[in-house]
Amino acid sequence: MKKMLYDHIKQYWVIYLTLCCVFLAGGVFGAVGVGSLGMEKAKELTGFFNSLLGEQPTAIDTSFLQQLARDNFIMMAGIWVLGLTVIGAPLVYLIVFTRGFIFGFTVVFIIQLKKMMGLGLVLFTVLFPSLLAVPCLLLGAGLATVFSFLLLQGRMRGDFLKNNFLHYCGMALLISIAALATGVIQGYFTILGARLFGL
């Protein structure tokens, strides 16, 4: 399995490199976007964020964990569907950029608002879960992009199409399961962060 994944990434490393660059670009734009907020918008977002923090559970909440897991799964399922179309690749890149933007904006906004406490909160609720979430996103996006490009080039016919389709669906399913686990992990870290920082 590891060798198959390694060979796949090695073969399509350009696609994965561009996806990483797109995610990082989104993160940079998100971080810069915090500084461009007007006073009124910043005040509205601060109020929304504080109310959101107040609603975070401090004990294990099954519905909260299920919601985060479901959101991750829906995103990965959407990426899988886009990979089945010949015009899906640009939209996949747009999703990756958007996730990067949200990541960068969230990290900088929380740190700017809560200072040192915000740094700890970011570590627990954003950065740690992202160690699994970001690779899942990039791998899922990469598989979808590769499959979409192969369809666009018309290189898949008959059994070759069937085998690649089954391989794509199987890998997408594994990544979606990992995304579900990521949602649960993110939920646990969010609850832990809320406990530690007295939110």
C-alpha atoms as a PDB file:
ATOM      1  CA  MET A   1       0.000   0.000   0.000  1.00  0.00           C
ATOM      2  CA  LYS A   2       2.786   2.400   0.967  1.00  0.00           C
ATOM      3  CA  LYS A   3       4.741   1.528  -2.168  1.00  0.00           C
ATOM      4  CA  MET A   4       1.652   2.052  -4.340  1.00  0.00           C
ATOM      5  CA  LEU A   5       1.077   5.447  -2.762  1.00  0.00           C
ATOM      6  CA  TYR A   6       4.747   6.364  -3.124  1.00  0.00           C
ATOM      7  CA  ASP A   7       4.797   5.339  -6.804  1.00  0.00           C
ATOM      8  CA  HIS A   8       1.592   7.277  -7.464  1.00  0.00           C
ATOM      9  CA  ILE A   9       2.916  10.482  -5.913  1.00  0.00           C
ATOM     10  CA  LYS A  10       6.269  10.027  -7.650  1.00  0.00           C
ATOM     11  CA  GLN A  11       4.552   9.637 -11.020  1.00  0.00           C
ATOM     12  CA  TYR A  12       2.275  12.656 -10.579  1.00  0.00           C
ATOM     13  CA  TRP A  13       4.507  14.775  -8.345  1.00  0.00           C
ATOM     14  CA  VAL A  14       3.904  17.886 -10.449  1.00  0.00           C
ATOM     15  CA  ILE A  15       0.175  17.763  -9.692  1.00  0.00           C
ATOM     16  CA  TYR A  16       0.787  17.324  -5.967  1.00  0.00           C
ATOM     17  CA  LEU A  17       3.373  20.104  -5.957  1.00  0.00           C
ATOM     18  CA  THR A  18       0.927  22.510  -7.608  1.00  0.00           C
ATOM     19  CA  LEU A  19      -1.791  21.501  -5.138  1.00  0.00           C
ATOM     20  CA  CYS A  20       0.556  22.216  -2.224  1.00  0.00           C
ATOM     21  CA  CYS A  21       1.411  25.597  -3.753  1.00  0.00           C
ATOM     22  CA  VAL A  22      -2.282  26.396  -4.232  1.00  0.00           C
ATOM     23  CA  PHE A  23      -3.028  25.505  -0.607  1.00  0.00           C
ATOM     24  CA  LEU A  24      -0.120  27.625   0.628  1.00  0.00           C
ATOM     25  CA  ALA A  25      -1.187  30.501  -1.613  1.00  0.00           C
ATOM     26  CA  GLY A  26      -4.675  30.277  -0.128  1.00  0.00           C
ATOM     27  CA  GLY A  27      -3.161  30.335   3.359  1.00  0.00           C
ATOM     28  CA  VAL A  28      -1.117  33.431   2.558  1.00  0.00           C
ATOM     29  CA  PHE A  29      -4.118  35.240   1.081  1.00  0.00           C
ATOM     30  CA  GLY A  30      -6.170  34.255   4.130  1.00  0.00           C
ATOM     31  CA  ALA A  31      -3.524  35.579   6.519  1.00  0.00           C
ATOM     32  CA  VAL A  32      -3.225  38.835   4.562  1.00  0.00           C
ATOM     33  CA  GLY A  33      -7.021  39.083   4.422  1.00  0.00           C
ATOM     34  CA  VAL A  34      -7.172  39.484   8.206  1.00  0.00           C
ATOM     35  CA  GLY A  35      -5.185  42.703   7.961  1.00  0.00           C
ATOM     36  CA  SER A  36      -7.452  44.104   5.273  1.00  0.00           C
ATOM     37  CA  LEU A  37     -10.608  43.793   7.375  1.00  0.00           C
ATOM     38  CA  GLY A  38     -12.335  47.077   8.120  1.00  0.00           C
ATOM     39  CA  MET A  39     -13.177  48.113  11.680  1.00  0.00           C
ATOM     40  CA  GLU A  40     -16.836  47.201  11.270  1.00  0.00           C
ATOM     41  CA  LYS A  41     -16.148  43.802   9.720  1.00  0.00           C
ATOM     42  CA  ALA A  42     -13.515  43.022  12.340  1.00  0.00           C
ATOM     43  CA  LYS A  43     -15.964  43.901  15.103  1.00  0.00           C
ATOM     44  CA  GLU A  44     -18.670  41.685  13.580  1.00  0.00           C
ATOM     45  CA  LEU A  45     -16.296  38.759  13.181  1.00  0.00           C
ATOM     46  CA  THR A  46     -15.002  39.189  16.727  1.00  0.00           C
ATOM     47  CA  GLY A  47     -18.546  39.049  18.097  1.00  0.00           C
ATOM     48  CA  PHE A  48     -19.349  36.002  15.964  1.00  0.00           C
ATOM     49  CA  PHE A  49     -16.154  34.237  17.005  1.00  0.00           C
ATOM     50  CA  ASN A  50     -16.700  34.911  20.705  1.00  0.00           C
ATOM     51  CA  SER A  51     -20.271  33.614  20.509  1.00  0.00           C
ATOM     52  CA  LEU A  52     -19.014  30.554  18.613  1.00  0.00           C
ATOM     53  CA  LEU A  53     -16.436  29.864  21.320  1.00  0.00           C
ATOM     54  CA  GLY A  54     -19.140  30.130  23.946  1.00  0.00           C
ATOM     55  CA  GLU A  55     -21.143  27.433  22.189  1.00  0.00           C
ATOM     56  CA  GLN A  56     -18.256  24.951  21.986  1.00  0.00           C
ATOM     57  CA  PRO A  57     -18.852  21.883  24.181  1.00  0.00           C
ATOM     58  CA  THR A  58     -16.413  21.248  27.036  1.00  0.00           C
ATOM     59  CA  ALA A  59     -17.462  17.598  27.387  1.00  0.00           C
ATOM     60  CA  ILE A  60     -17.679  14.815  24.818  1.00  0.00           C
ATOM     61  CA  ASP A  61     -20.637  15.608  22.567  1.00  0.00           C
ATOM     62  CA  THR A  62     -21.472  12.879  20.051  1.00  0.00           C
ATOM     63  CA  SER A  63     -23.547  15.166  17.815  1.00  0.00           C
ATOM     64  CA  PHE A  64     -20.691  17.702  17.679  1.00  0.00           C
ATOM     65  CA  LEU A  65     -18.190  15.025  16.654  1.00  0.00           C
ATOM     66  CA  GLN A  66     -20.610  13.604  14.085  1.00  0.00           C
ATOM     67  CA  GLN A  67     -21.144  17.029  12.523  1.00  0.00           C
ATOM     68  CA  LEU A  68     -17.417  17.644  12.054  1.00  0.00           C
ATOM     69  CA  ALA A  69     -16.916  14.134  10.655  1.00  0.00           C
ATOM     70  CA  ARG A  70     -19.890  14.557   8.290  1.00  0.00           C
ATOM     71  CA  ASP A  71     -18.597  17.918   7.021  1.00  0.00           C
ATOM     72  CA  ASN A  72     -15.207  16.390   6.201  1.00  0.00           C
ATOM     73  CA  PHE A  73     -16.813  13.418   4.489  1.00  0.00           C
ATOM     74  CA  ILE A  74     -19.080  15.634   2.363  1.00  0.00           C
ATOM     75  CA  MET A  75     -16.098  17.684   1.217  1.00  0.00           C
ATOM     76  CA  MET A  76     -14.144  14.576   0.191  1.00  0.00           C
ATOM     77  CA  ALA A  77     -17.208  13.122  -1.539  1.00  0.00           C
ATOM     78  CA  GLY A  78     -17.576  16.368  -3.490  1.00  0.00           C
ATOM     79  CA  ILE A  79     -13.940  16.173  -4.581  1.00  0.00           C
ATOM     80  CA  TRP A  80     -14.470  12.547  -5.649  1.00  0.00           C
ATOM     81  CA  VAL A  81     -17.482  13.536  -7.791  1.00  0.00           C
ATOM     82  CA  LEU A  82     -15.524  16.362  -9.422  1.00  0.00           C
ATOM     83  CA  GLY A  83     -12.788  13.880 -10.327  1.00  0.00           C
ATOM     84  CA  LEU A  84     -15.327  11.903 -12.354  1.00  0.00           C
ATOM     85  CA  THR A  85     -15.837  14.843 -14.726  1.00  0.00           C
ATOM     86  CA  VAL A  86     -13.471  16.191 -17.357  1.00  0.00           C
ATOM     87  CA  ILE A  87     -13.936  19.749 -16.093  1.00  0.00           C
ATOM     88  CA  GLY A  88     -13.574  18.943 -12.401  1.00  0.00           C
ATOM     89  CA  ALA A  89      -9.863  19.732 -11.967  1.00  0.00           C
ATOM     90  CA  PRO A  90     -10.203  23.562 -11.798  1.00  0.00           C
ATOM     91  CA  LEU A  91     -12.956  23.235  -9.198  1.00  0.00           C
ATOM     92  CA  VAL A  92     -10.816  20.836  -7.171  1.00  0.00           C
ATOM     93  CA  TYR A  93      -8.028  23.417  -7.171  1.00  0.00           C
ATOM     94  CA  LEU A  94     -10.551  26.053  -6.108  1.00  0.00           C
ATOM     95  CA  ILE A  95     -11.593  23.899  -3.138  1.00  0.00           C
ATOM     96  CA  VAL A  96      -7.955  23.448  -2.111  1.00  0.00           C
ATOM     97  CA  PHE A  97      -7.330  27.202  -2.388  1.00  0.00           C
ATOM     98  CA  THR A  98     -10.465  27.948  -0.345  1.00  0.00           C
ATOM     99  CA  ARG A  99      -9.452  25.499   2.385  1.00  0.00           C
ATOM    100  CA  GLY A 100      -6.022  27.104   2.468  1.00  0.00           C
ATOM    101  CA  PHE A 101      -7.605  30.557   2.701  1.00  0.00           C
ATOM    102  CA  ILE A 102      -9.827  29.460   5.601  1.00  0.00           C
ATOM    103  CA  PHE A 103      -6.829  27.881   7.329  1.00  0.00           C
ATOM    104  CA  GLY A 104      -4.635  30.976   7.021  1.00  0.00           C
ATOM    105  CA  PHE A 105      -7.422  33.386   7.934  1.00  0.00           C
ATOM    106  CA  THR A 106      -8.491  31.342  10.970  1.00  0.00           C
ATOM    107  CA  VAL A 107      -4.974  30.958  12.368  1.00  0.00           C
ATOM    108  CA  VAL A 108      -4.035  34.628  12.049  1.00  0.00           C
ATOM    109  CA  PHE A 109      -7.423  35.947  13.178  1.00  0.00           C
ATOM    110  CA  ILE A 110      -7.479  33.836  16.366  1.00  0.00           C
ATOM    111  CA  ILE A 111      -3.885  34.717  17.279  1.00  0.00           C
ATOM    112  CA  GLN A 112      -4.487  38.392  16.579  1.00  0.00           C
ATOM    113  CA  LEU A 113      -7.665  38.383  18.673  1.00  0.00           C
ATOM    114  CA  LYS A 114      -6.607  36.205  21.625  1.00  0.00           C
ATOM    115  CA  LYS A 115      -2.825  36.749  21.602  1.00  0.00           C
ATOM    116  CA  MET A 116      -0.978  34.001  23.558  1.00  0.00           C
ATOM    117  CA  MET A 117      -4.177  32.190  24.490  1.00  0.00           C
ATOM    118  CA  GLY A 118      -5.077  32.295  20.818  1.00  0.00           C
ATOM    119  CA  LEU A 119      -1.763  30.661  19.921  1.00  0.00           C
ATOM    120  CA  GLY A 120      -2.516  27.771  22.269  1.00  0.00           C
ATOM    121  CA  LEU A 121      -6.051  27.541  20.938  1.00  0.00           C
ATOM    122  CA  VAL A 122      -4.759  27.430  17.357  1.00  0.00           C
ATOM    123  CA  LEU A 123      -2.304  24.663  18.225  1.00  0.00           C
ATOM    124  CA  PHE A 124      -5.002  22.471  19.750  1.00  0.00           C
ATOM    125  CA  THR A 125      -7.973  23.138  17.494  1.00  0.00           C
ATOM    126  CA  VAL A 126      -6.375  23.910  14.104  1.00  0.00           C
ATOM    127  CA  LEU A 127      -2.753  22.859  13.694  1.00  0.00           C
ATOM    128  CA  PHE A 128      -2.760  19.414  15.336  1.00  0.00           C
ATOM    129  CA  PRO A 129      -5.848  18.138  13.452  1.00  0.00           C
ATOM    130  CA  SER A 130      -4.420  19.640  10.242  1.00  0.00           C
ATOM    131  CA  LEU A 131      -1.479  17.236  10.401  1.00  0.00           C
ATOM    132  CA  LEU A 132      -3.933  14.612   9.140  1.00  0.00           C
ATOM    133  CA  ALA A 133      -6.589  16.797   7.497  1.00  0.00           C
ATOM    134  CA  VAL A 134      -4.303  18.600   5.031  1.00  0.00           C
ATOM    135  CA  PRO A 135      -2.615  15.434   3.661  1.00  0.00           C
ATOM    136  CA  CYS A 136      -6.077  13.855   3.249  1.00  0.00           C
ATOM    137  CA  LEU A 137      -7.272  16.924   1.357  1.00  0.00           C
ATOM    138  CA  LEU A 138      -4.217  17.067  -0.913  1.00  0.00           C
ATOM    139  CA  LEU A 139      -4.220  13.331  -1.615  1.00  0.00           C
ATOM    140  CA  GLY A 140      -7.944  13.300  -2.379  1.00  0.00           C
ATOM    141  CA  ALA A 141      -7.576  16.361  -4.595  1.00  0.00           C
ATOM    142  CA  GLY A 142      -4.570  14.826  -6.335  1.00  0.00           C
ATOM    143  CA  LEU A 143      -6.380  11.584  -7.118  1.00  0.00           C
ATOM    144  CA  ALA A 144      -9.378  13.498  -8.443  1.00  0.00           C
ATOM    145  CA  THR A 145      -7.179  15.733 -10.599  1.00  0.00           C
ATOM    146  CA  VAL A 146      -5.246  12.789 -12.055  1.00  0.00           C
ATOM    147  CA  PHE A 147      -8.429  10.877 -12.897  1.00  0.00           C
ATOM    148  CA  SER A 148     -10.011  13.996 -14.422  1.00  0.00           C
ATOM    149  CA  PHE A 149      -6.947  14.650 -16.582  1.00  0.00           C
ATOM    150  CA  LEU A 150      -6.874  11.050 -17.781  1.00  0.00           C
ATOM    151  CA  LEU A 151     -10.512  11.365 -18.826  1.00  0.00           C
ATOM    152  CA  LEU A 152      -9.775  14.661 -20.555  1.00  0.00           C
ATOM    153  CA  GLN A 153      -6.907  13.126 -22.495  1.00  0.00           C
ATOM    154  CA  GLY A 154      -9.120  10.224 -23.544  1.00  0.00           C
ATOM    155  CA  ARG A 155      -6.494   7.714 -22.404  1.00  0.00           C
ATOM    156  CA  MET A 156      -8.911   5.348 -20.698  1.00  0.00           C
ATOM    157  CA  ARG A 157     -10.891   2.801 -22.648  1.00  0.00           C
ATOM    158  CA  GLY A 158     -12.496  -0.547 -21.777  1.00  0.00           C
ATOM    159  CA  ASP A 159     -10.791  -2.541 -19.048  1.00  0.00           C
ATOM    160  CA  PHE A 160      -8.231   0.213 -18.462  1.00  0.00           C
ATOM    161  CA  LEU A 161     -11.047   2.633 -17.623  1.00  0.00           C
ATOM    162  CA  LYS A 162     -12.744   0.050 -15.397  1.00  0.00           C
ATOM    163  CA  ASN A 163      -9.550  -0.767 -13.472  1.00  0.00           C
ATOM    164  CA  ASN A 164      -8.617   2.873 -12.975  1.00  0.00           C
ATOM    165  CA  PHE A 165     -12.160   3.754 -11.947  1.00  0.00           C
ATOM    166  CA  LEU A 166     -12.221   0.998  -9.312  1.00  0.00           C
ATOM    167  CA  HIS A 167      -8.776   2.037  -8.085  1.00  0.00           C
ATOM    168  CA  TYR A 168      -9.856   5.679  -7.894  1.00  0.00           C
ATOM    169  CA  CYS A 169     -13.051   4.831  -6.006  1.00  0.00           C
ATOM    170  CA  GLY A 170     -11.222   2.523  -3.605  1.00  0.00           C
ATOM    171  CA  MET A 171      -8.576   5.114  -2.770  1.00  0.00           C
ATOM    172  CA  ALA A 172     -11.211   7.844  -2.469  1.00  0.00           C
ATOM    173  CA  LEU A 173     -13.135   5.670  -0.009  1.00  0.00           C
ATOM    174  CA  LEU A 174     -10.053   5.126   2.152  1.00  0.00           C
ATOM    175  CA  ILE A 175      -9.293   8.841   2.158  1.00  0.00           C
ATOM    176  CA  SER A 176     -12.916   9.646   3.025  1.00  0.00           C
ATOM    177  CA  ILE A 177     -12.716   7.273   5.991  1.00  0.00           C
ATOM    178  CA  ALA A 178      -9.523   9.034   7.079  1.00  0.00           C
ATOM    179  CA  ALA A 179     -11.355  12.355   6.695  1.00  0.00           C
ATOM    180  CA  LEU A 180     -14.123  11.048   8.975  1.00  0.00           C
ATOM    181  CA  ALA A 181     -11.499  10.154  11.571  1.00  0.00           C
ATOM    182  CA  THR A 182      -9.968  13.598  11.155  1.00  0.00           C
ATOM    183  CA  GLY A 183     -13.311  15.233  11.937  1.00  0.00           C
ATOM    184  CA  VAL A 184     -13.601  13.206  15.149  1.00  0.00           C
ATOM    185  CA  ILE A 185     -10.008  14.066  16.119  1.00  0.00           C
ATOM    186  CA  GLN A 186     -10.657  17.737  15.417  1.00  0.00           C
ATOM    187  CA  GLY A 187     -13.716  17.563  17.658  1.00  0.00           C
ATOM    188  CA  TYR A 188     -11.749  16.023  20.517  1.00  0.00           C
ATOM    189  CA  PHE A 189      -8.996  18.624  20.213  1.00  0.00           C
ATOM    190  CA  THR A 190     -11.593  21.410  20.123  1.00  0.00           C
ATOM    191  CA  ILE A 191     -13.172  20.104  23.323  1.00  0.00           C
ATOM    192  CA  LEU A 192      -9.729  19.742  24.912  1.00  0.00           C
ATOM    193  CA  GLY A 193      -8.824  23.290  23.887  1.00  0.00           C
ATOM    194  CA  ALA A 194     -12.065  24.631  25.348  1.00  0.00           C
ATOM    195  CA  ARG A 195     -11.277  22.888  28.648  1.00  0.00           C
ATOM    196  CA  LEU A 196      -7.652  23.976  28.847  1.00  0.00           C
ATOM    197  CA  PHE A 197      -8.288  27.615  28.032  1.00  0.00           C
ATOM    198  CA  GLY A 198     -11.491  27.957  30.008  1.00  0.00           C
ATOM    199  CA  LEU A 199     -13.711  28.928  27.071  1.00  0.00           C
END
